[in-house]
C-alpha atoms as a PDB file:
ATOM      1  CA  GLU A   1       0.060   0.007   0.006  1.00  0.00           C
ATOM      2  CA  ARG A   2       0.934   3.533  -0.633  1.00  0.00           C
ATOM      3  CA  GLY A   3       3.410   4.141   2.130  1.00  0.00           C
ATOM      4  CA  GLY A   4       0.783   3.181   4.704  1.00  0.00           C
ATOM      5  CA  GLN A   5      -2.229   4.541   3.086  1.00  0.00           C
ATOM      6  CA  GLY A   6      -3.930   1.134   3.044  1.00  0.00           C
ATOM      7  CA  GLU A   7      -7.533   0.490   2.097  1.00  0.00           C
ATOM      8  CA  ARG A   8      -9.951   0.391   5.001  1.00  0.00           C
ATOM      9  CA  GLY A   9     -11.908  -2.696   4.610  1.00  0.00           C
ATOM     10  CA  GLY A  10     -13.133  -2.967   0.975  1.00  0.00           C
ATOM     11  CA  ALA A  11     -11.821  -5.262  -1.709  1.00  0.00           C
ATOM     12  CA  SER A  12      -8.443  -5.969  -0.340  1.00  0.00           C
ATOM     13  CA  GLY A  13      -9.857  -6.880   3.093  1.00  0.00           C
ATOM     14  CA  GLY A  14      -6.374  -6.160   4.538  1.00  0.00           C
ATOM     15  CA  LYS A  15      -5.737  -4.049   7.489  1.00  0.00           C
ATOM     16  CA  ALA A  16      -4.309  -0.642   6.694  1.00  0.00           C
ATOM     17  CA  GLU A  17      -0.815   0.085   7.710  1.00  0.00           C
ATOM     18  CA  SER A  18      -0.052   2.933  10.033  1.00  0.00           C
ATOM     19  CA  THR A  19       3.474   3.820   8.691  1.00  0.00           C
ATOM     20  CA  ARG A  20       3.927   7.462   7.550  1.00  0.00           C
ATOM     21  CA  GLU A  21       3.823   8.410   3.916  1.00  0.00           C
ATOM     22  CA  PRO A  22       7.224   8.402   2.207  1.00  0.00           C
ATOM     23  CA  TRP A  23       6.714  12.060   1.337  1.00  0.00           C
ATOM     24  CA  SER A  24       5.965  13.154   4.970  1.00  0.00           C
ATOM     25  CA  SER A  25       9.009  15.428   4.843  1.00  0.00           C
ATOM     26  CA  GLY A  26      11.353  16.816   2.290  1.00  0.00           C
ATOM     27  CA  PRO A  27      12.214  19.878   0.387  1.00  0.00           C
ATOM     28  CA  GLU A  28       9.080  19.839  -1.696  1.00  0.00           C
ATOM     29  CA  LEU A  29       6.900  20.668   1.357  1.00  0.00           C
ATOM     30  CA  GLY A  30       8.715  23.989   1.932  1.00  0.00           C
ATOM     31  CA  ALA A  31      11.010  26.119   0.038  1.00  0.00           C
ATOM     32  CA  GLY A  32       8.655  28.983  -0.418  1.00  0.00           C
ATOM     33  CA  LEU A  33       6.196  27.012  -2.619  1.00  0.00           C
ATOM     34  CA  GLY A  34       2.579  27.572  -2.825  1.00  0.00           C
ATOM     35  CA  GLY A  35       0.350  30.609  -2.200  1.00  0.00           C
ATOM     36  CA  LYS A  36       0.532  33.267   0.517  1.00  0.00           C
ATOM     37  CA  GLY A  37       1.017  31.845   3.868  1.00  0.00           C
ATOM     38  CA  ALA A  38       2.090  28.394   2.667  1.00  0.00           C
ATOM     39  CA  SER A  39       5.387  28.471   4.646  1.00  0.00           C
ATOM     40  CA  SER A  40       3.726  29.732   7.749  1.00  0.00           C
ATOM     41  CA  ARG A  41       1.219  26.814   7.599  1.00  0.00           C
ATOM     42  CA  LEU A  42       4.052  24.227   6.880  1.00  0.00           C
ATOM     43  CA  ASN A  43       4.143  22.722  10.405  1.00  0.00           C
ATOM     44  CA  LYS A  44       0.386  22.228  10.371  1.00  0.00           C
ATOM     45  CA  ILE A  45       0.530  19.778   7.371  1.00  0.00           C
ATOM     46  CA  VAL A  46      -0.224  16.290   8.561  1.00  0.00           C
ATOM     47  CA  GLU A  47       0.142  13.120   6.357  1.00  0.00           C
ATOM     48  CA  LEU A  48      -2.146  10.342   7.466  1.00  0.00           C
ATOM     49  CA  SER A  49      -2.596   6.735   6.547  1.00  0.00           C
ATOM     50  CA  THR A  50      -6.226   5.514   6.055  1.00  0.00           C
ATOM     51  CA  GLU A  51      -6.047   3.823   9.384  1.00  0.00           C
ATOM     52  CA  GLU A  52      -5.210   7.197  11.077  1.00  0.00           C
ATOM     53  CA  LEU A  53      -8.121   9.131   9.661  1.00  0.00           C
ATOM     54  CA  GLU A  54     -10.549   9.990  12.388  1.00  0.00           C
ATOM     55  CA  PRO A  55     -14.325  10.476  12.132  1.00  0.00           C
ATOM     56  CA  PHE A  56     -15.997  13.755  12.893  1.00  0.00           C
ATOM     57  CA  PRO A  57     -17.999  14.012  16.222  1.00  0.00           C
ATOM     58  CA  SER A  58     -21.440  14.844  14.744  1.00  0.00           C
ATOM     59  CA  ALA A  59     -23.381  14.952  11.528  1.00  0.00           C
ATOM     60  CA  LYS A  60     -23.519  18.749  11.765  1.00  0.00           C
ATOM     61  CA  ALA A  61     -19.725  18.960  11.889  1.00  0.00           C
ATOM     62  CA  VAL A  62     -19.447  16.763   8.798  1.00  0.00           C
ATOM     63  CA  GLU A  63     -21.809  18.896   6.804  1.00  0.00           C
ATOM     64  CA  THR A  64     -19.890  22.089   7.767  1.00  0.00           C
ATOM     65  CA  GLU A  65     -16.482  20.528   6.987  1.00  0.00           C
ATOM     66  CA  LEU A  66     -17.729  19.084   3.711  1.00  0.00           C
ATOM     67  CA  LYS A  67     -19.125  22.372   2.477  1.00  0.00           C
ATOM     68  CA  ASN A  68     -15.964  24.327   3.386  1.00  0.00           C
ATOM     69  CA  SER A  69     -13.643  21.726   1.853  1.00  0.00           C
ATOM     70  CA  LEU A  70     -15.525  21.495  -1.352  1.00  0.00           C
ATOM     71  CA  LEU A  71     -15.385  25.202  -1.707  1.00  0.00           C
ATOM     72  CA  LYS A  72     -11.656  25.566  -1.080  1.00  0.00           C
ATOM     73  CA  VAL A  73      -9.962  22.291  -2.234  1.00  0.00           C
ATOM     74  CA  ASN A  74      -9.261  23.652  -5.715  1.00  0.00           C
ATOM     75  CA  SER A  75      -9.960  27.395  -5.296  1.00  0.00           C
ATOM     76  CA  SER A  76      -7.413  28.161  -2.560  1.00  0.00           C
ATOM     77  CA  ASP A  77      -4.183  29.844  -3.390  1.00  0.00           C
ATOM     78  CA  ASP A  78      -2.558  28.099  -0.492  1.00  0.00           C
ATOM     79  CA  TRP A  79      -1.483  24.561  -1.414  1.00  0.00           C
ATOM     80  CA  ALA A  80      -1.253  23.634   2.324  1.00  0.00           C
ATOM     81  CA  GLU A  81      -4.931  24.598   2.717  1.00  0.00           C
ATOM     82  CA  GLN A  82      -5.792  22.535  -0.333  1.00  0.00           C
ATOM     83  CA  TYR A  83      -3.914  19.607   1.193  1.00  0.00           C
ATOM     84  CA  GLU A  84      -5.908  19.996   4.497  1.00  0.00           C
ATOM     85  CA  CYS A  85      -9.128  20.169   2.653  1.00  0.00           C
ATOM     86  CA  LEU A  86      -8.270  16.784   1.087  1.00  0.00           C
ATOM     87  CA  ASN A  87      -7.505  15.364   4.525  1.00  0.00           C
ATOM     88  CA  THR A  88     -11.020  16.378   5.539  1.00  0.00           C
ATOM     89  CA  LEU A  89     -12.500  14.776   2.482  1.00  0.00           C
ATOM     90  CA  ARG A  90     -10.633  11.658   3.188  1.00  0.00           C
ATOM     91  CA  ARG A  91     -12.010  11.549   6.748  1.00  0.00           C
ATOM     92  CA  ILE A  92     -15.480  11.906   5.402  1.00  0.00           C
ATOM     93  CA  CYS A  93     -15.096   9.311   2.695  1.00  0.00           C
ATOM     94  CA  VAL A  94     -13.693   6.805   5.084  1.00  0.00           C
ATOM     95  CA  HIS A  95     -16.076   7.294   7.947  1.00  0.00           C
ATOM     96  CA  HIS A  96     -19.182   9.078   6.698  1.00  0.00           C
ATOM     97  CA  THR A  97     -19.856   7.934   3.072  1.00  0.00           C
ATOM     98  CA  ARG A  98     -22.967   6.133   4.215  1.00  0.00           C
ATOM     99  CA  PRO A  99     -25.381   7.692   4.671  1.00  0.00           C
ATOM    100  CA  LEU A 100     -24.137  11.327   4.244  1.00  0.00           C
ATOM    101  CA  LEU A 101     -22.436  11.110   0.859  1.00  0.00           C
ATOM    102  CA  THR A 102     -24.768   8.433  -0.794  1.00  0.00           C
ATOM    103  CA  ALA A 103     -28.016  10.239   0.270  1.00  0.00           C
ATOM    104  CA  ASP A 104     -30.009  12.187  -2.211  1.00  0.00           C
ATOM    105  CA  LYS A 105     -29.057   9.957  -5.156  1.00  0.00           C
ATOM    106  CA  GLY A 106     -25.280  10.553  -4.303  1.00  0.00           C
ATOM    107  CA  GLU A 107     -25.212  14.151  -5.194  1.00  0.00           C
ATOM    108  CA  LYS A 108     -22.715  14.875  -2.450  1.00  0.00           C
ATOM    109  CA  LEU A 109     -20.628  11.886  -3.416  1.00  0.00           C
ATOM    110  CA  HIS A 110     -20.635  13.209  -7.112  1.00  0.00           C
ATOM    111  CA  ALA A 111     -19.568  16.583  -5.786  1.00  0.00           C
ATOM    112  CA  VAL A 112     -16.588  15.081  -3.902  1.00  0.00           C
ATOM    113  CA  ALA A 113     -15.597  13.021  -6.960  1.00  0.00           C
ATOM    114  CA  ARG A 114     -15.603  16.135  -9.234  1.00  0.00           C
ATOM    115  CA  GLN A 115     -13.319  17.939  -6.994  1.00  0.00           C
ATOM    116  CA  LEU A 116     -11.007  14.937  -6.587  1.00  0.00           C
ATOM    117  CA  ALA A 117     -10.672  14.662 -10.303  1.00  0.00           C
ATOM    118  CA  LEU A 118      -9.499  18.262 -10.379  1.00  0.00           C
ATOM    119  CA  ALA A 119      -7.122  17.945  -7.440  1.00  0.00           C
ATOM    120  CA  ALA A 120      -5.543  14.783  -8.715  1.00  0.00           C
ATOM    121  CA  ASP A 121      -4.301  16.743 -11.683  1.00  0.00           C
ATOM    122  CA  ASN A 122      -2.549  19.249  -9.376  1.00  0.00           C
ATOM    123  CA  LEU A 123       1.069  20.045 -10.403  1.00  0.00           C
ATOM    124  CA  ARG A 124       2.162  19.639  -6.745  1.00  0.00           C
ATOM    125  CA  SER A 125       2.647  15.953  -6.213  1.00  0.00           C
ATOM    126  CA  SER A 126       1.753  15.993  -2.509  1.00  0.00           C
ATOM    127  CA  VAL A 127      -1.536  17.487  -3.233  1.00  0.00           C
ATOM    128  CA  ALA A 128      -2.188  15.115  -6.182  1.00  0.00           C
ATOM    129  CA  ARG A 129      -1.279  12.127  -4.090  1.00  0.00           C
ATOM    130  CA  ASN A 130      -3.608  13.099  -1.284  1.00  0.00           C
ATOM    131  CA  ALA A 131      -6.395  13.457  -3.799  1.00  0.00           C
ATOM    132  CA  ILE A 132      -5.627  10.110  -5.342  1.00  0.00           C
ATOM    133  CA  ALA A 133      -5.567   8.485  -1.885  1.00  0.00           C
ATOM    134  CA  CYS A 134      -9.033  10.000  -1.357  1.00  0.00           C
ATOM    135  CA  ALA A 135     -10.211   8.592  -4.583  1.00  0.00           C
ATOM    136  CA  ARG A 136      -9.092   5.219  -3.646  1.00  0.00           C
ATOM    137  CA  GLU A 137     -10.868   5.543  -0.220  1.00  0.00           C
ATOM    138  CA  LEU A 138     -14.072   6.796  -1.911  1.00  0.00           C
ATOM    139  CA  PHE A 139     -14.246   3.663  -4.156  1.00  0.00           C
ATOM    140  CA  VAL A 140     -13.516   1.377  -1.167  1.00  0.00           C
ATOM    141  CA  ALA A 141     -16.102   3.013   1.022  1.00  0.00           C
ATOM    142  CA  ALA A 142     -18.867   3.511  -1.570  1.00  0.00           C
ATOM    143  CA  GLY A 143     -18.652   0.256  -3.441  1.00  0.00           C
ATOM    144  CA  ARG A 144     -21.134  -0.071  -6.279  1.00  0.00           C
ATOM    145  CA  GLU A 145     -22.624   3.372  -5.243  1.00  0.00           C
ATOM    146  CA  ALA A 146     -19.408   4.858  -6.684  1.00  0.00           C
ATOM    147  CA  ASP A 147     -20.205   3.528 -10.201  1.00  0.00           C
ATOM    148  CA  ARG A 148     -21.394   6.952 -11.309  1.00  0.00           C
ATOM    149  CA  GLU A 149     -18.031   8.398 -10.397  1.00  0.00           C
ATOM    150  CA  ALA A 150     -15.869   5.836 -12.197  1.00  0.00           C
ATOM    151  CA  ASP A 151     -15.698   7.583 -15.622  1.00  0.00           C
ATOM    152  CA  ALA A 152     -14.358  10.945 -14.346  1.00  0.00           C
ATOM    153  CA  LEU A 153     -11.885   9.544 -11.816  1.00  0.00           C
ATOM    154  CA  THR A 154     -10.581   6.777 -14.099  1.00  0.00           C
ATOM    155  CA  SER A 155      -9.653   9.257 -16.851  1.00  0.00           C
ATOM    156  CA  ILE A 156      -7.369  11.292 -14.544  1.00  0.00           C
ATOM    157  CA  LEU A 157      -5.953   8.213 -12.700  1.00  0.00           C
ATOM    158  CA  ILE A 158      -4.969   6.691 -16.069  1.00  0.00           C
ATOM    159  CA  LYS A 159      -3.218   9.993 -16.890  1.00  0.00           C
ATOM    160  CA  ARG A 160      -1.419  10.037 -13.546  1.00  0.00           C
ATOM    161  CA  ALA A 161      -0.556   6.222 -13.685  1.00  0.00           C
ATOM    162  CA  ALA A 162       1.125   6.849 -17.018  1.00  0.00           C
ATOM    163  CA  GLY A 163       3.094   9.892 -15.734  1.00  0.00           C
ATOM    164  CA  VAL A 164       6.824  10.230 -14.951  1.00  0.00           C
ATOM    165  CA  ASP A 165       6.302  10.597 -11.185  1.00  0.00           C
ATOM    166  CA  LEU A 166       6.700   7.079 -10.025  1.00  0.00           C
ATOM    167  CA  PHE A 167       5.125   7.701  -6.537  1.00  0.00           C
ATOM    168  CA  VAL A 168       2.104   9.337  -8.128  1.00  0.00           C
ATOM    169  CA  ALA A 169       1.898   6.659 -10.698  1.00  0.00           C
ATOM    170  CA  GLU A 170       1.892   3.857  -8.076  1.00  0.00           C
ATOM    171  CA  ASP A 171      -0.817   5.582  -6.127  1.00  0.00           C
ATOM    172  CA  ALA A 172      -2.926   6.075  -9.183  1.00  0.00           C
ATOM    173  CA  GLY A 173      -2.497   2.319  -9.900  1.00  0.00           C
ATOM    174  CA  ARG A 174      -3.814   1.434  -6.458  1.00  0.00           C
ATOM    175  CA  ALA A 175      -6.670   3.661  -6.972  1.00  0.00           C
ATOM    176  CA  LEU A 176      -7.544   2.095 -10.307  1.00  0.00           C
ATOM    177  CA  GLN A 177      -7.312  -1.365  -8.728  1.00  0.00           C
ATOM    178  CA  ALA A 178      -9.785  -0.213  -6.005  1.00  0.00           C
ATOM    179  CA  MET A 179     -12.184   1.035  -8.773  1.00  0.00           C
ATOM    180  CA  ILE A 180     -11.948  -2.390 -10.468  1.00  0.00           C
ATOM    181  CA  SER A 181     -12.431  -4.235  -7.303  1.00  0.00           C
ATOM    182  CA  THR A 182     -15.498  -2.372  -6.081  1.00  0.00           C
ATOM    183  CA  CYS A 183     -17.381  -1.061  -9.070  1.00  0.00           C
ATOM    184  CA  SER A 184     -19.660  -3.246 -11.230  1.00  0.00           C
ATOM    185  CA  GLU A 185     -17.937  -5.112 -14.177  1.00  0.00           C
ATOM    186  CA  ALA A 186     -19.795  -3.190 -16.836  1.00  0.00           C
ATOM    187  CA  ARG A 187     -19.000   0.187 -15.259  1.00  0.00           C
ATOM    188  CA  ALA A 188     -15.345  -0.563 -14.580  1.00  0.00           C
ATOM    189  CA  PHE A 189     -14.650  -1.752 -18.146  1.00  0.00           C
ATOM    190  CA  GLY A 190     -16.649   1.213 -19.501  1.00  0.00           C
ATOM    191  CA  ALA A 191     -14.642   3.547 -17.566  1.00  0.00           C
ATOM    192  CA  LEU A 192     -11.267   2.011 -18.613  1.00  0.00           C
ATOM    193  CA  LEU A 193     -12.358   1.898 -22.344  1.00  0.00           C
ATOM    194  CA  GLY A 194     -13.796   5.360 -22.053  1.00  0.00           C
ATOM    195  CA  ALA A 195     -10.312   6.655 -20.800  1.00  0.00           C
ATOM    196  CA  ALA A 196      -8.751   4.840 -23.734  1.00  0.00           C
ATOM    197  CA  GLY A 197     -10.921   6.853 -26.088  1.00  0.00           C
ATOM    198  CA  GLN A 198      -9.920  10.139 -24.373  1.00  0.00           C
ATOM    199  CA  HIS A 199      -6.150   9.555 -24.143  1.00  0.00           C
ATOM    200  CA  LYS A 200      -4.105   9.499 -27.292  1.00  0.00           C
ATOM    201  CA  ALA A 201      -0.657   9.217 -25.713  1.00  0.00           C
ATOM    202  CA  ALA A 202       0.852   5.784 -26.113  1.00  0.00           C
ATOM    203  CA  GLY A 203       1.765   5.472 -22.444  1.00  0.00           C
ATOM    204  CA  ALA A 204      -1.771   6.256 -21.243  1.00  0.00           C
ATOM    205  CA  ARG A 205      -3.299   3.833 -23.802  1.00  0.00           C
ATOM    206  CA  ALA A 206      -0.872   1.167 -22.593  1.00  0.00           C
ATOM    207  CA  LYS A 207      -2.030   1.741 -19.037  1.00  0.00           C
ATOM    208  CA  CYS A 208      -5.670   1.406 -20.145  1.00  0.00           C
ATOM    209  CA  ALA A 209      -4.853  -1.942 -21.705  1.00  0.00           C
ATOM    210  CA  GLN A 210      -2.897  -3.116 -18.575  1.00  0.00           C
ATOM    211  CA  PHE A 211      -5.788  -2.325 -16.341  1.00  0.00           C
ATOM    212  CA  VAL A 212      -8.296  -3.978 -18.642  1.00  0.00           C
ATOM    213  CA  HIS A 213      -6.144  -6.970 -18.307  1.00  0.00           C
ATOM    214  CA  ARG A 214      -6.201  -6.572 -14.411  1.00  0.00           C
ATOM    215  CA  ALA A 215      -9.951  -6.274 -14.485  1.00  0.00           C
ATOM    216  CA  VAL A 216     -10.313  -9.489 -16.494  1.00  0.00           C
ATOM    217  CA  VAL A 217      -8.216 -11.340 -13.965  1.00  0.00           C
ATOM    218  CA  THR A 218     -10.139  -9.809 -11.142  1.00  0.00           C
ATOM    219  CA  TYR A 219     -13.562 -10.701 -12.476  1.00  0.00           C
ATOM    220  CA  GLU A 220     -12.815 -14.066 -13.815  1.00  0.00           C
ATOM    221  CA  GLY A 221     -16.003 -15.548 -15.297  1.00  0.00           C
ATOM    222  CA  ARG A 222     -17.940 -12.328 -14.695  1.00  0.00           C
ATOM    223  CA  ALA A 223     -16.011 -10.657 -17.476  1.00  0.00           C
ATOM    224  CA  LEU A 224     -17.784 -13.060 -19.819  1.00  0.00           C
ATOM    225  CA  GLN A 225     -21.135 -11.344 -19.570  1.00  0.00           C
ATOM    226  CA  PRO A 226     -22.516 -10.732 -23.126  1.00  0.00           C
ATOM    227  CA  LEU A 227     -23.026  -7.001 -22.649  1.00  0.00           C
ATOM    228  CA  VAL A 228     -19.462  -6.735 -21.279  1.00  0.00           C
ATOM    229  CA  LEU A 229     -17.901  -8.814 -24.158  1.00  0.00           C
ATOM    230  CA  GLU A 230     -19.859  -6.736 -26.713  1.00  0.00           C
ATOM    231  CA  ARG A 231     -17.812  -3.736 -25.876  1.00  0.00           C
ATOM    232  CA  LEU A 232     -14.617  -5.308 -24.552  1.00  0.00           C
ATOM    233  CA  LEU A 233     -13.663  -7.507 -27.546  1.00  0.00           C
ATOM    234  CA  PRO A 234     -13.615  -4.770 -30.224  1.00  0.00           C
ATOM    235  CA  ALA A 235     -11.536  -2.595 -27.897  1.00  0.00           C
ATOM    236  CA  LEU A 236      -9.069  -5.448 -27.312  1.00  0.00           C
ATOM    237  CA  ALA A 237      -8.882  -5.942 -31.077  1.00  0.00           C
ATOM    238  CA  GLY A 238      -7.946  -2.291 -31.425  1.00  0.00           C
ATOM    239  CA  PHE A 239      -5.289  -2.539 -28.755  1.00  0.00           C
ATOM    240  CA  LEU A 240      -3.836  -5.613 -30.576  1.00  0.00           C
ATOM    241  CA  GLY A 241      -3.373  -3.562 -33.649  1.00  0.00           C
ATOM    242  CA  GLU A 242      -1.471  -0.608 -31.958  1.00  0.00           C
ATOM    243  CA  GLY A 243       2.134   0.192 -32.341  1.00  0.00           C
ATOM    244  CA  ALA A 244       3.225   0.190 -28.621  1.00  0.00           C
ATOM    245  CA  ALA A 245       4.414  -3.344 -27.582  1.00  0.00           C
ATOM    246  CA  GLU A 246       3.133  -2.753 -24.040  1.00  0.00           C
ATOM    247  CA  THR A 247      -0.351  -2.115 -25.248  1.00  0.00           C
ATOM    248  CA  ARG A 248      -0.282  -5.181 -27.544  1.00  0.00           C
ATOM    249  CA  GLN A 249       1.021  -7.477 -24.850  1.00  0.00           C
ATOM    250  CA  ALA A 250      -1.482  -6.391 -22.301  1.00  0.00           C
ATOM    251  CA  ALA A 251      -4.302  -6.965 -24.858  1.00  0.00           C
ATOM    252  CA  LYS A 252      -2.961 -10.338 -25.648  1.00  0.00           C
ATOM    253  CA  SER A 253      -2.937 -11.234 -21.903  1.00  0.00           C
ATOM    254  CA  ALA A 254      -6.448 -10.028 -21.547  1.00  0.00           C
ATOM    255  CA  VAL A 255      -7.740 -11.982 -24.501  1.00  0.00           C
ATOM    256  CA  SER A 256      -5.907 -15.115 -23.345  1.00  0.00           C
ATOM    257  CA  CYS A 257      -7.480 -14.779 -19.893  1.00  0.00           C
ATOM    258  CA  LEU A 258     -10.924 -14.405 -21.292  1.00  0.00           C
ATOM    259  CA  ALA A 259     -10.463 -17.533 -23.373  1.00  0.00           C
ATOM    260  CA  LEU A 260      -9.094 -19.550 -20.458  1.00  0.00           C
ATOM    261  CA  ALA A 261     -11.756 -18.299 -18.199  1.00  0.00           C
ATOM    262  CA  ALA A 262     -14.442 -19.361 -20.678  1.00  0.00           C
ATOM    263  CA  LYS A 263     -12.844 -22.782 -20.813  1.00  0.00           C
ATOM    264  CA  GLY A 264     -12.833 -23.023 -17.025  1.00  0.00           C
ATOM    265  CA  GLU A 265     -16.539 -21.977 -16.706  1.00  0.00           C
ATOM    266  CA  GLY A 266     -17.637 -24.892 -19.009  1.00  0.00           C
ATOM    267  CA  ALA A 267     -19.039 -25.678 -22.394  1.00  0.00           C
ATOM    268  CA  GLU A 268     -21.871 -23.073 -22.355  1.00  0.00           C
ATOM    269  CA  ALA A 269     -19.473 -20.284 -21.452  1.00  0.00           C
ATOM    270  CA  GLU A 270     -17.139 -21.438 -24.180  1.00  0.00           C
ATOM    271  CA  ARG A 271     -19.917 -21.395 -26.807  1.00  0.00           C
ATOM    272  CA  ASN A 272     -21.038 -17.945 -25.678  1.00  0.00           C
ATOM    273  CA  PHE A 273     -17.538 -16.640 -25.901  1.00  0.00           C
ATOM    274  CA  GLN A 274     -17.035 -18.071 -29.397  1.00  0.00           C
ATOM    275  CA  ARG A 275     -20.417 -16.484 -30.464  1.00  0.00           C
ATOM    276  CA  ALA A 276     -19.258 -13.202 -29.085  1.00  0.00           C
ATOM    277  CA  LEU A 277     -16.157 -13.407 -31.306  1.00  0.00           C
ATOM    278  CA  GLY A 278     -18.361 -13.465 -34.391  1.00  0.00           C
ATOM    279  CA  ARG A 279     -20.371 -10.441 -33.466  1.00  0.00           C
ATOM    280  CA  GLY A 280     -19.383  -6.765 -33.888  1.00  0.00           C
ATOM    281  CA  LEU A 281     -15.799  -7.508 -35.176  1.00  0.00           C
ATOM    282  CA  SER A 282     -14.378  -6.959 -38.584  1.00  0.00           C
ATOM    283  CA  GLU A 283     -12.781  -9.939 -40.283  1.00  0.00           C
ATOM    284  CA  ALA A 284      -9.293  -8.557 -39.469  1.00  0.00           C
ATOM    285  CA  ASP A 285     -10.073  -7.940 -35.834  1.00  0.00           C
ATOM    286  CA  ALA A 286     -11.700 -11.289 -35.363  1.00  0.00           C
ATOM    287  CA  LYS A 287      -8.613 -12.969 -36.834  1.00  0.00           C
ATOM    288  CA  ARG A 288      -6.258 -11.146 -34.451  1.00  0.00           C
ATOM    289  CA  ILE A 289      -8.282 -12.153 -31.474  1.00  0.00           C
ATOM    290  CA  ARG A 290      -8.790 -15.798 -32.652  1.00  0.00           C
ATOM    291  CA  THR A 291      -4.996 -16.109 -33.197  1.00  0.00           C
ATOM    292  CA  VAL A 292      -4.444 -15.167 -29.585  1.00  0.00           C
ATOM    293  CA  VAL A 293      -7.264 -17.349 -28.291  1.00  0.00           C
ATOM    294  CA  ASP A 294      -5.963 -20.418 -30.154  1.00  0.00           C
ATOM    295  CA  ALA A 295      -2.399 -19.782 -28.859  1.00  0.00           C
ATOM    296  CA  ALA A 296      -3.635 -19.491 -25.302  1.00  0.00           C
ATOM    297  CA  LEU A 297      -5.711 -22.665 -25.413  1.00  0.00           C
ATOM    298  CA  ALA A 298      -2.992 -24.657 -27.123  1.00  0.00           C
ATOM    299  CA  GLY A 299      -0.419 -23.357 -24.570  1.00  0.00           C
ATOM    300  CA  GLN A 300      -2.664 -24.530 -21.690  1.00  0.00           C
ATOM    301  CA  SER A 301      -3.315 -27.952 -23.144  1.00  0.00           C
ATOM    302  CA  GLY A 302      -2.354 -30.542 -20.551  1.00  0.00           C
ATOM    303  CA  ARG A 303      -1.830 -27.912 -17.900  1.00  0.00           C
ATOM    304  CA  GLY A 304      -5.436 -26.974 -17.095  1.00  0.00           C
ATOM    305  CA  ALA A 305      -7.091 -23.645 -17.657  1.00  0.00           C
ATOM    306  CA  ASP A 306      -5.160 -21.263 -15.513  1.00  0.00           C
ATOM    307  CA  PHE A 307      -6.287 -17.846 -16.892  1.00  0.00           C
ATOM    308  CA  ARG A 308      -3.948 -15.996 -14.423  1.00  0.00           C
ATOM    309  CA  ASN A 309      -0.888 -17.389 -16.202  1.00  0.00           C
ATOM    310  CA  PRO A 310      -1.752 -17.625 -19.991  1.00  0.00           C
ATOM    311  CA  THR A 311       0.942 -19.400 -21.959  1.00  0.00           C
ATOM    312  CA  GLY A 312       1.668 -18.467 -25.454  1.00  0.00           C
ATOM    313  CA  ALA A 313      -0.222 -15.204 -25.190  1.00  0.00           C
ATOM    314  CA  ALA A 314       1.928 -13.647 -27.811  1.00  0.00           C
ATOM    315  CA  GLY A 315       0.245 -15.951 -30.329  1.00  0.00           C
ATOM    316  CA  GLY A 316       2.141 -14.607 -33.351  1.00  0.00           C
ATOM    317  CA  VAL A 317       0.069 -11.343 -33.364  1.00  0.00           C
ATOM    318  CA  THR A 318       2.225  -8.265 -34.014  1.00  0.00           C
END
């Protein structure tokens, strides 16, 4: 977990660590950066793991803090104040998502997600990382009720996961995995493929393909739903035809996993998967995917269908 910012409950089920963040101190937190008053507020900055986040004492206090933080988190000229607003939002997401944020058709949850998407794109890495941590905690706490927020948050998380700042990229990857683990299959794949449509940079598209693969592994047989395959297979065929080797390899692994999952689910699942290959794909795209499928199944003959470790995924597709 991100230097101790472990998930609280949720998909991983593991206990959050209490160690401090790796960026708790260092030159970036000082040196005259930020808006007016930033240096004077430096000693007030507190980096917290998920486990260290405390609830507010009353519903009234939560409402007041939520309103103030939503107003200031992206409008303040003081980066330290932005950071503290994010700490407040994290406390609310971890301890007060239900019923506060999910009430009124999730309008408050939606407002928080919109601000997090903006803050995650902050040029100051400490602010961006705190926003990304909050996004992960929001997915874990809200579960399927965060489906509506997956599109906006996934797009910026893919961008940050493909960035040059390795710490930010790792945090974004954990938040994306939390999204995959807690949102519905259709929404998670939709968000990842939607992000692929928005991002043209090779690195970001490779990340989309890699997290599609992770989603297939996470969902196992649930990824074989007809409505999911209807959108997923054409997208994977497109990834297989891209120039970046990372994108192609991730797509090959995802297709292989789907084929092996279908085999593991039984004859009916295999037939449904084969039928899906014949719908909505051009002849060239279908050929690309069938080449990978055949290689995956041939590579697993005699070994059993282990979709987590597809053998022969390359399958001669270039």
